[in-house]
């Protein structure tokens, strides 16, 4: 699981083997977890909460989603590099 960022103690990462899915990240406190929060990236630079498995508070979730939107372009570029190919978006 490549970690992209560490933001306010939250690891933001890709889960290996998900290259057939639309671009998204997982978020967990400290270390990657299979039950992590999942956030889809959208074509227009936004993001959508898919699931909050890490049970982030409303405030933490808002901060993380703002950070993801601010780094949308870099996340997409790293998705292309890590998964060796194209990219699709949730909506």
PDB file of N, CA and C in Angstrom:
ATOM      1  N   UNK A   1       0.829  -1.164   0.000  1.00  0.00           N
ATOM      2  CA  UNK A   1       0.000   0.000   0.000  1.00  0.00           C
ATOM      3  C   UNK A   1       0.885   1.244   0.000  1.00  0.00           C
ATOM      4  N   UNK A   2       1.010   1.874  -1.136  1.00  0.00           N
ATOM      5  CA  UNK A   2       1.840   3.082  -1.163  1.00  0.00           C
ATOM      6  C   UNK A   2       1.154   4.241  -0.442  1.00  0.00           C
ATOM      7  N   UNK A   3       1.861   4.794   0.527  1.00  0.00           N
ATOM      8  CA  UNK A   3       1.336   5.957   1.240  1.00  0.00           C
ATOM      9  C   UNK A   3       1.673   7.198   0.432  1.00  0.00           C
ATOM     10  N   UNK A   4       0.671   7.993   0.149  1.00  0.00           N
ATOM     11  CA  UNK A   4       0.848   9.216  -0.621  1.00  0.00           C
ATOM     12  C   UNK A   4       1.201  10.385   0.275  1.00  0.00           C
ATOM     13  N   UNK A   5       0.475  10.503   1.384  1.00  0.00           N
ATOM     14  CA  UNK A   5       0.642  11.629   2.292  1.00  0.00           C
ATOM     15  C   UNK A   5       0.408  11.172   3.726  1.00  0.00           C
ATOM     16  N   UNK A   6       0.962  11.932   4.633  1.00  0.00           N
ATOM     17  CA  UNK A   6       0.606  11.841   6.048  1.00  0.00           C
ATOM     18  C   UNK A   6       0.091  13.227   6.402  1.00  0.00           C
ATOM     19  N   UNK A   7      -1.198  13.323   6.702  1.00  0.00           N
ATOM     20  CA  UNK A   7      -1.850  14.609   6.943  1.00  0.00           C
ATOM     21  C   UNK A   7      -2.558  14.571   8.290  1.00  0.00           C
ATOM     22  N   UNK A   8      -2.128  15.406   9.204  1.00  0.00           N
ATOM     23  CA  UNK A   8      -2.714  15.490  10.548  1.00  0.00           C
ATOM     24  C   UNK A   8      -2.814  14.111  11.210  1.00  0.00           C
ATOM     25  N   UNK A   9      -1.800  13.287  10.985  1.00  0.00           N
ATOM     26  CA  UNK A   9      -1.770  11.955  11.577  1.00  0.00           C
ATOM     27  C   UNK A   9      -2.524  10.896  10.796  1.00  0.00           C
ATOM     28  N   UNK A  10      -3.121  11.271   9.670  1.00  0.00           N
ATOM     29  CA  UNK A  10      -3.865  10.326   8.843  1.00  0.00           C
ATOM     30  C   UNK A  10      -3.023   9.916   7.639  1.00  0.00           C
ATOM     31  N   UNK A  11      -2.891   8.614   7.428  1.00  0.00           N
ATOM     32  CA  UNK A  11      -2.228   8.100   6.233  1.00  0.00           C
ATOM     33  C   UNK A  11      -3.238   8.141   5.089  1.00  0.00           C
ATOM     34  N   UNK A  12      -2.828   8.700   3.966  1.00  0.00           N
ATOM     35  CA  UNK A  12      -3.643   8.726   2.753  1.00  0.00           C
ATOM     36  C   UNK A  12      -2.897   7.860   1.749  1.00  0.00           C
ATOM     37  N   UNK A  13      -3.558   6.805   1.272  1.00  0.00           N
ATOM     38  CA  UNK A  13      -2.836   5.783   0.511  1.00  0.00           C
ATOM     39  C   UNK A  13      -3.716   5.124  -0.539  1.00  0.00           C
ATOM     40  N   UNK A  14      -3.050   4.430  -1.482  1.00  0.00           N
ATOM     41  CA  UNK A  14      -3.715   3.546  -2.432  1.00  0.00           C
ATOM     42  C   UNK A  14      -3.668   2.141  -1.857  1.00  0.00           C
ATOM     43  N   UNK A  15      -4.649   1.330  -2.206  1.00  0.00           N
ATOM     44  CA  UNK A  15      -4.639  -0.078  -1.841  1.00  0.00           C
ATOM     45  C   UNK A  15      -4.186  -0.845  -3.072  1.00  0.00           C
ATOM     46  N   UNK A  16      -3.208  -1.676  -2.935  1.00  0.00           N
ATOM     47  CA  UNK A  16      -2.653  -2.427  -4.058  1.00  0.00           C
ATOM     48  C   UNK A  16      -3.730  -3.291  -4.721  1.00  0.00           C
ATOM     49  N   UNK A  17      -3.686  -3.353  -6.052  1.00  0.00           N
ATOM     50  CA  UNK A  17      -4.581  -4.228  -6.796  1.00  0.00           C
ATOM     51  C   UNK A  17      -5.922  -3.603  -7.151  1.00  0.00           C
ATOM     52  N   UNK A  18      -6.046  -2.300  -7.058  1.00  0.00           N
ATOM     53  CA  UNK A  18      -7.320  -1.650  -7.359  1.00  0.00           C
ATOM     54  C   UNK A  18      -7.256  -0.819  -8.632  1.00  0.00           C
ATOM     55  N   UNK A  19      -6.355  -1.175  -9.529  1.00  0.00           N
ATOM     56  CA  UNK A  19      -6.158  -0.383 -10.740  1.00  0.00           C
ATOM     57  C   UNK A  19      -7.337  -0.444 -11.699  1.00  0.00           C
ATOM     58  N   UNK A  20      -8.245  -1.384 -11.569  1.00  0.00           N
ATOM     59  CA  UNK A  20      -9.413  -1.457 -12.446  1.00  0.00           C
ATOM     60  C   UNK A  20     -10.561  -0.573 -11.986  1.00  0.00           C
ATOM     61  N   UNK A  21     -10.407   0.077 -10.867  1.00  0.00           N
ATOM     62  CA  UNK A  21     -11.471   0.909 -10.301  1.00  0.00           C
ATOM     63  C   UNK A  21     -11.199   2.381 -10.591  1.00  0.00           C
ATOM     64  N   UNK A  22     -12.238   3.216 -10.456  1.00  0.00           N
ATOM     65  CA  UNK A  22     -11.997   4.664 -10.577  1.00  0.00           C
ATOM     66  C   UNK A  22     -11.025   5.136  -9.493  1.00  0.00           C
ATOM     67  N   UNK A  23     -10.335   6.231  -9.767  1.00  0.00           N
ATOM     68  CA  UNK A  23      -9.318   6.739  -8.848  1.00  0.00           C
ATOM     69  C   UNK A  23      -9.951   7.072  -7.493  1.00  0.00           C
ATOM     70  N   UNK A  24      -9.288   6.616  -6.441  1.00  0.00           N
ATOM     71  CA  UNK A  24      -9.741   6.866  -5.077  1.00  0.00           C
ATOM     72  C   UNK A  24      -8.572   6.683  -4.125  1.00  0.00           C
ATOM     73  N   UNK A  25      -8.757   7.153  -2.911  1.00  0.00           N
ATOM     74  CA  UNK A  25      -7.757   6.973  -1.866  1.00  0.00           C
ATOM     75  C   UNK A  25      -8.427   6.378  -0.641  1.00  0.00           C
ATOM     76  N   UNK A  26      -7.593   5.815   0.212  1.00  0.00           N
ATOM     77  CA  UNK A  26      -8.028   5.310   1.508  1.00  0.00           C
ATOM     78  C   UNK A  26      -7.360   6.169   2.572  1.00  0.00           C
ATOM     79  N   UNK A  27      -8.028   6.318   3.706  1.00  0.00           N
ATOM     80  CA  UNK A  27      -7.532   7.166   4.787  1.00  0.00           C
ATOM     81  C   UNK A  27      -7.672   6.412   6.101  1.00  0.00           C
ATOM     82  N   UNK A  28      -6.579   6.346   6.862  1.00  0.00           N
ATOM     83  CA  UNK A  28      -6.603   5.675   8.165  1.00  0.00           C
ATOM     84  C   UNK A  28      -5.708   6.429   9.133  1.00  0.00           C
ATOM     85  N   UNK A  29      -6.042   6.378  10.390  1.00  0.00           N
ATOM     86  CA  UNK A  29      -5.222   7.016  11.422  1.00  0.00           C
ATOM     87  C   UNK A  29      -3.949   6.196  11.583  1.00  0.00           C
ATOM     88  N   UNK A  30      -2.799   6.834  11.344  1.00  0.00           N
ATOM     89  CA  UNK A  30      -1.514   6.169  11.556  1.00  0.00           C
ATOM     90  C   UNK A  30      -1.091   5.249  10.440  1.00  0.00           C
ATOM     91  N   UNK A  31      -1.666   4.060  10.390  1.00  0.00           N
ATOM     92  CA  UNK A  31      -1.226   3.030   9.438  1.00  0.00           C
ATOM     93  C   UNK A  31      -2.362   2.600   8.524  1.00  0.00           C
ATOM     94  N   UNK A  32      -2.033   2.140   7.318  1.00  0.00           N
ATOM     95  CA  UNK A  32      -3.069   1.614   6.431  1.00  0.00           C
ATOM     96  C   UNK A  32      -3.825   0.459   7.076  1.00  0.00           C
ATOM     97  N   UNK A  33      -5.103   0.384   6.775  1.00  0.00           N
ATOM     98  CA  UNK A  33      -5.978  -0.638   7.334  1.00  0.00           C
ATOM     99  C   UNK A  33      -6.967  -1.076   6.261  1.00  0.00           C
ATOM    100  N   UNK A  34      -7.346  -2.353   6.245  1.00  0.00           N
ATOM    101  CA  UNK A  34      -8.327  -2.798   5.251  1.00  0.00           C
ATOM    102  C   UNK A  34      -9.715  -2.192   5.469  1.00  0.00           C
ATOM    103  N   UNK A  35      -9.957  -1.621   6.637  1.00  0.00           N
ATOM    104  CA  UNK A  35     -11.262  -1.016   6.939  1.00  0.00           C
ATOM    105  C   UNK A  35     -11.198   0.505   6.897  1.00  0.00           C
ATOM    106  N   UNK A  36     -10.262   1.035   6.159  1.00  0.00           N
ATOM    107  CA  UNK A  36     -10.033   2.481   6.110  1.00  0.00           C
ATOM    108  C   UNK A  36     -11.174   3.209   5.401  1.00  0.00           C
ATOM    109  N   UNK A  37     -11.259   4.483   5.673  1.00  0.00           N
ATOM    110  CA  UNK A  37     -12.186   5.360   4.961  1.00  0.00           C
ATOM    111  C   UNK A  37     -11.782   5.393   3.485  1.00  0.00           C
ATOM    112  N   UNK A  38     -12.787   5.398   2.603  1.00  0.00           N
ATOM    113  CA  UNK A  38     -12.533   5.406   1.156  1.00  0.00           C
ATOM    114  C   UNK A  38     -13.163   6.657   0.553  1.00  0.00           C
ATOM    115  N   UNK A  39     -12.373   7.361  -0.267  1.00  0.00           N
ATOM    116  CA  UNK A  39     -12.832   8.608  -0.880  1.00  0.00           C
ATOM    117  C   UNK A  39     -12.557   8.565  -2.384  1.00  0.00           C
ATOM    118  N   UNK A  40     -13.629   8.714  -3.179  1.00  0.00           N
ATOM    119  CA  UNK A  40     -13.518   8.771  -4.635  1.00  0.00           C
ATOM    120  C   UNK A  40     -13.108  10.172  -5.060  1.00  0.00           C
ATOM    121  N   UNK A  41     -12.283  10.277  -6.094  1.00  0.00           N
ATOM    122  CA  UNK A  41     -11.967  11.563  -6.705  1.00  0.00           C
ATOM    123  C   UNK A  41     -12.868  11.741  -7.917  1.00  0.00           C
ATOM    124  N   UNK A  42     -13.313  12.963  -8.157  1.00  0.00           N
ATOM    125  CA  UNK A  42     -14.183  13.236  -9.295  1.00  0.00           C
ATOM    126  C   UNK A  42     -13.408  13.978 -10.386  1.00  0.00           C
ATOM    127  N   UNK A  43     -13.951  13.931 -11.572  1.00  0.00           N
ATOM    128  CA  UNK A  43     -13.295  14.530 -12.735  1.00  0.00           C
ATOM    129  C   UNK A  43     -13.084  16.036 -12.572  1.00  0.00           C
ATOM    130  N   UNK A  44     -13.989  16.709 -11.865  1.00  0.00           N
ATOM    131  CA  UNK A  44     -13.922  18.170 -11.749  1.00  0.00           C
ATOM    132  C   UNK A  44     -13.024  18.658 -10.616  1.00  0.00           C
ATOM    133  N   UNK A  45     -12.258  17.762  -9.988  1.00  0.00           N
ATOM    134  CA  UNK A  45     -11.342  18.167  -8.922  1.00  0.00           C
ATOM    135  C   UNK A  45     -11.895  18.003  -7.525  1.00  0.00           C
ATOM    136  N   UNK A  46     -13.091  17.476  -7.420  1.00  0.00           N
ATOM    137  CA  UNK A  46     -13.701  17.256  -6.112  1.00  0.00           C
ATOM    138  C   UNK A  46     -13.480  15.840  -5.615  1.00  0.00           C
ATOM    139  N   UNK A  47     -14.190  15.510  -4.553  1.00  0.00           N
ATOM    140  CA  UNK A  47     -14.136  14.153  -4.024  1.00  0.00           C
ATOM    141  C   UNK A  47     -15.453  13.821  -3.332  1.00  0.00           C
ATOM    142  N   UNK A  48     -15.732  12.524  -3.219  1.00  0.00           N
ATOM    143  CA  UNK A  48     -16.973  12.023  -2.641  1.00  0.00           C
ATOM    144  C   UNK A  48     -16.629  10.926  -1.644  1.00  0.00           C
ATOM    145  N   UNK A  49     -17.226  10.983  -0.472  1.00  0.00           N
ATOM    146  CA  UNK A  49     -17.025   9.940   0.527  1.00  0.00           C
ATOM    147  C   UNK A  49     -17.728   8.666   0.077  1.00  0.00           C
ATOM    148  N   UNK A  50     -16.984   7.573  -0.026  1.00  0.00           N
ATOM    149  CA  UNK A  50     -17.561   6.272  -0.361  1.00  0.00           C
ATOM    150  C   UNK A  50     -17.951   5.527   0.912  1.00  0.00           C
ATOM    151  N   UNK A  51     -17.059   5.535   1.897  1.00  0.00           N
ATOM    152  CA  UNK A  51     -17.339   4.893   3.186  1.00  0.00           C
ATOM    153  C   UNK A  51     -16.413   5.486   4.237  1.00  0.00           C
ATOM    154  N   UNK A  52     -16.884   5.509   5.455  1.00  0.00           N
ATOM    155  CA  UNK A  52     -16.082   6.068   6.546  1.00  0.00           C
ATOM    156  C   UNK A  52     -15.693   4.958   7.518  1.00  0.00           C
ATOM    157  N   UNK A  53     -15.008   3.949   6.997  1.00  0.00           N
ATOM    158  CA  UNK A  53     -14.598   2.810   7.810  1.00  0.00           C
ATOM    159  C   UNK A  53     -13.677   3.166   8.961  1.00  0.00           C
ATOM    160  N   UNK A  54     -12.916   4.242   8.821  1.00  0.00           N
ATOM    161  CA  UNK A  54     -12.017   4.676   9.895  1.00  0.00           C
ATOM    162  C   UNK A  54     -12.738   5.504  10.952  1.00  0.00           C
ATOM    163  N   UNK A  55     -14.013   5.788  10.685  1.00  0.00           N
ATOM    164  CA  UNK A  55     -14.840   6.560  11.621  1.00  0.00           C
ATOM    165  C   UNK A  55     -14.240   7.922  11.957  1.00  0.00           C
ATOM    166  N   UNK A  56     -13.794   8.628  10.924  1.00  0.00           N
ATOM    167  CA  UNK A  56     -13.284   9.981  11.111  1.00  0.00           C
ATOM    168  C   UNK A  56     -14.421  10.875  11.602  1.00  0.00           C
ATOM    169  N   UNK A  57     -14.091  11.810  12.471  1.00  0.00           N
ATOM    170  CA  UNK A  57     -15.095  12.776  12.903  1.00  0.00           C
ATOM    171  C   UNK A  57     -15.474  13.650  11.714  1.00  0.00           C
ATOM    172  N   UNK A  58     -16.593  14.318  11.830  1.00  0.00           N
ATOM    173  CA  UNK A  58     -17.049  15.200  10.756  1.00  0.00           C
ATOM    174  C   UNK A  58     -15.986  16.252  10.432  1.00  0.00           C
ATOM    175  N   UNK A  59     -15.375  16.814  11.463  1.00  0.00           N
ATOM    176  CA  UNK A  59     -14.343  17.845  11.272  1.00  0.00           C
ATOM    177  C   UNK A  59     -13.096  17.268  10.594  1.00  0.00           C
ATOM    178  N   UNK A  60     -12.618  16.103  11.091  1.00  0.00           N
ATOM    179  CA  UNK A  60     -11.444  15.475  10.478  1.00  0.00           C
ATOM    180  C   UNK A  60     -11.719  15.100   9.029  1.00  0.00           C
ATOM    181  N   UNK A  61     -12.910  14.584   8.776  1.00  0.00           N
ATOM    182  CA  UNK A  61     -13.272  14.197   7.417  1.00  0.00           C
ATOM    183  C   UNK A  61     -13.276  15.416   6.493  1.00  0.00           C
ATOM    184  N   UNK A  62     -13.825  16.531   6.958  1.00  0.00           N
ATOM    185  CA  UNK A  62     -13.830  17.759   6.151  1.00  0.00           C
ATOM    186  C   UNK A  62     -12.406  18.224   5.862  1.00  0.00           C
ATOM    187  N   UNK A  63     -11.538  18.179   6.876  1.00  0.00           N
ATOM    188  CA  UNK A  63     -10.142  18.591   6.679  1.00  0.00           C
ATOM    189  C   UNK A  63      -9.435  17.688   5.672  1.00  0.00           C
ATOM    190  N   UNK A  64      -9.625  16.377   5.803  1.00  0.00           N
ATOM    191  CA  UNK A  64      -8.983  15.417   4.899  1.00  0.00           C
ATOM    192  C   UNK A  64      -9.497  15.611   3.474  1.00  0.00           C
ATOM    193  N   UNK A  65     -10.801  15.794   3.324  1.00  0.00           N
ATOM    194  CA  UNK A  65     -11.357  15.972   1.981  1.00  0.00           C
ATOM    195  C   UNK A  65     -10.874  17.281   1.348  1.00  0.00           C
ATOM    196  N   UNK A  66     -10.743  18.336   2.139  1.00  0.00           N
ATOM    197  CA  UNK A  66     -10.164  19.582   1.619  1.00  0.00           C
ATOM    198  C   UNK A  66      -8.728  19.351   1.152  1.00  0.00           C
ATOM    199  N   UNK A  67      -7.962  18.582   1.931  1.00  0.00           N
ATOM    200  CA  UNK A  67      -6.577  18.275   1.572  1.00  0.00           C
ATOM    201  C   UNK A  67      -6.527  17.457   0.277  1.00  0.00           C
ATOM    202  N   UNK A  68      -7.405  16.487   0.153  1.00  0.00           N
ATOM    203  CA  UNK A  68      -7.447  15.657  -1.057  1.00  0.00           C
ATOM    204  C   UNK A  68      -7.778  16.516  -2.275  1.00  0.00           C
ATOM    205  N   UNK A  69      -8.750  17.408  -2.144  1.00  0.00           N
ATOM    206  CA  UNK A  69      -9.092  18.283  -3.276  1.00  0.00           C
ATOM    207  C   UNK A  69      -7.927  19.205  -3.638  1.00  0.00           C
ATOM    208  N   UNK A  70      -7.208  19.690  -2.643  1.00  0.00           N
ATOM    209  CA  UNK A  70      -6.054  20.562  -2.898  1.00  0.00           C
ATOM    210  C   UNK A  70      -4.919  19.811  -3.587  1.00  0.00           C
ATOM    211  N   UNK A  71      -4.883  18.488  -3.430  1.00  0.00           N
ATOM    212  CA  UNK A  71      -3.820  17.663  -4.015  1.00  0.00           C
ATOM    213  C   UNK A  71      -4.352  16.726  -5.098  1.00  0.00           C
ATOM    214  N   UNK A  72      -5.507  17.051  -5.638  1.00  0.00           N
ATOM    215  CA  UNK A  72      -6.188  16.210  -6.628  1.00  0.00           C
ATOM    216  C   UNK A  72      -5.280  15.861  -7.807  1.00  0.00           C
ATOM    217  N   UNK A  73      -4.644  16.852  -8.380  1.00  0.00           N
ATOM    218  CA  UNK A  73      -3.799  16.630  -9.561  1.00  0.00           C
ATOM    219  C   UNK A  73      -2.641  15.681  -9.250  1.00  0.00           C
ATOM    220  N   UNK A  74      -1.982  15.885  -8.120  1.00  0.00           N
ATOM    221  CA  UNK A  74      -0.867  15.009  -7.745  1.00  0.00           C
ATOM    222  C   UNK A  74      -1.344  13.582  -7.488  1.00  0.00           C
ATOM    223  N   UNK A  75      -2.487  13.428  -6.833  1.00  0.00           N
ATOM    224  CA  UNK A  75      -3.025  12.090  -6.566  1.00  0.00           C
ATOM    225  C   UNK A  75      -3.301  11.376  -7.886  1.00  0.00           C
ATOM    226  N   UNK A  76      -3.920  12.076  -8.827  1.00  0.00           N
ATOM    227  CA  UNK A  76      -4.211  11.466 -10.130  1.00  0.00           C
ATOM    228  C   UNK A  76      -2.931  11.073 -10.863  1.00  0.00           C
ATOM    229  N   UNK A  77      -1.934  11.931 -10.819  1.00  0.00           N
ATOM    230  CA  UNK A  77      -0.657  11.615 -11.463  1.00  0.00           C
ATOM    231  C   UNK A  77      -0.011  10.392 -10.821  1.00  0.00           C
ATOM    232  N   UNK A  78      -0.043  10.320  -9.521  1.00  0.00           N
ATOM    233  CA  UNK A  78       0.563   9.179  -8.827  1.00  0.00           C
ATOM    234  C   UNK A  78      -0.231   7.899  -9.066  1.00  0.00           C
ATOM    235  N   UNK A  79      -1.544   8.010  -9.243  1.00  0.00           N
ATOM    236  CA  UNK A  79      -2.372   6.848  -9.594  1.00  0.00           C
ATOM    237  C   UNK A  79      -1.905   6.294 -10.944  1.00  0.00           C
ATOM    238  N   UNK A  80      -1.748   7.193 -11.920  1.00  0.00           N
ATOM    239  CA  UNK A  80      -1.285   6.763 -13.254  1.00  0.00           C
ATOM    240  C   UNK A  80       0.079   6.074 -13.171  1.00  0.00           C
ATOM    241  N   UNK A  81       0.983   6.646 -12.398  1.00  0.00           N
ATOM    242  CA  UNK A  81       2.324   6.075 -12.257  1.00  0.00           C
ATOM    243  C   UNK A  81       2.286   4.730 -11.536  1.00  0.00           C
ATOM    244  N   UNK A  82       1.554   4.650 -10.452  1.00  0.00           N
ATOM    245  CA  UNK A  82       1.555   3.428  -9.646  1.00  0.00           C
ATOM    246  C   UNK A  82       0.858   2.278 -10.365  1.00  0.00           C
ATOM    247  N   UNK A  83      -0.281   2.578 -11.009  1.00  0.00           N
ATOM    248  CA  UNK A  83      -1.054   1.525 -11.662  1.00  0.00           C
ATOM    249  C   UNK A  83      -0.739   1.402 -13.151  1.00  0.00           C
ATOM    250  N   UNK A  84       0.275   2.113 -13.629  1.00  0.00           N
ATOM    251  CA  UNK A  84       0.795   1.989 -14.999  1.00  0.00           C
ATOM    252  C   UNK A  84      -0.287   2.122 -16.065  1.00  0.00           C
ATOM    253  N   UNK A  85      -0.966   3.229 -16.066  1.00  0.00           N
ATOM    254  CA  UNK A  85      -1.938   3.368 -17.141  1.00  0.00           C
ATOM    255  C   UNK A  85      -2.895   4.509 -16.971  1.00  0.00           C
ATOM    256  N   UNK A  86      -4.058   4.277 -17.557  1.00  0.00           N
ATOM    257  CA  UNK A  86      -5.081   5.306 -17.592  1.00  0.00           C
ATOM    258  C   UNK A  86      -5.739   5.534 -16.248  1.00  0.00           C
ATOM    259  N   UNK A  87      -6.714   6.397 -16.307  1.00  0.00           N
ATOM    260  CA  UNK A  87      -7.414   6.769 -15.092  1.00  0.00           C
ATOM    261  C   UNK A  87      -8.882   6.978 -15.438  1.00  0.00           C
ATOM    262  N   UNK A  88      -9.744   6.581 -14.542  1.00  0.00           N
ATOM    263  CA  UNK A  88     -11.168   6.868 -14.688  1.00  0.00           C
ATOM    264  C   UNK A  88     -11.651   7.483 -13.380  1.00  0.00           C
ATOM    265  N   UNK A  89     -12.800   8.132 -13.457  1.00  0.00           N
ATOM    266  CA  UNK A  89     -13.332   8.831 -12.298  1.00  0.00           C
ATOM    267  C   UNK A  89     -14.690   8.271 -11.921  1.00  0.00           C
ATOM    268  N   UNK A  90     -15.050   8.450 -10.671  1.00  0.00           N
ATOM    269  CA  UNK A  90     -16.314   7.931 -10.150  1.00  0.00           C
ATOM    270  C   UNK A  90     -17.499   8.573 -10.851  1.00  0.00           C
ATOM    271  N   UNK A  91     -17.511   9.880 -10.967  1.00  0.00           N
ATOM    272  CA  UNK A  91     -18.612  10.584 -11.644  1.00  0.00           C
ATOM    273  C   UNK A  91     -18.071  11.741 -12.426  1.00  0.00           C
TER     274      UNK A  91
END
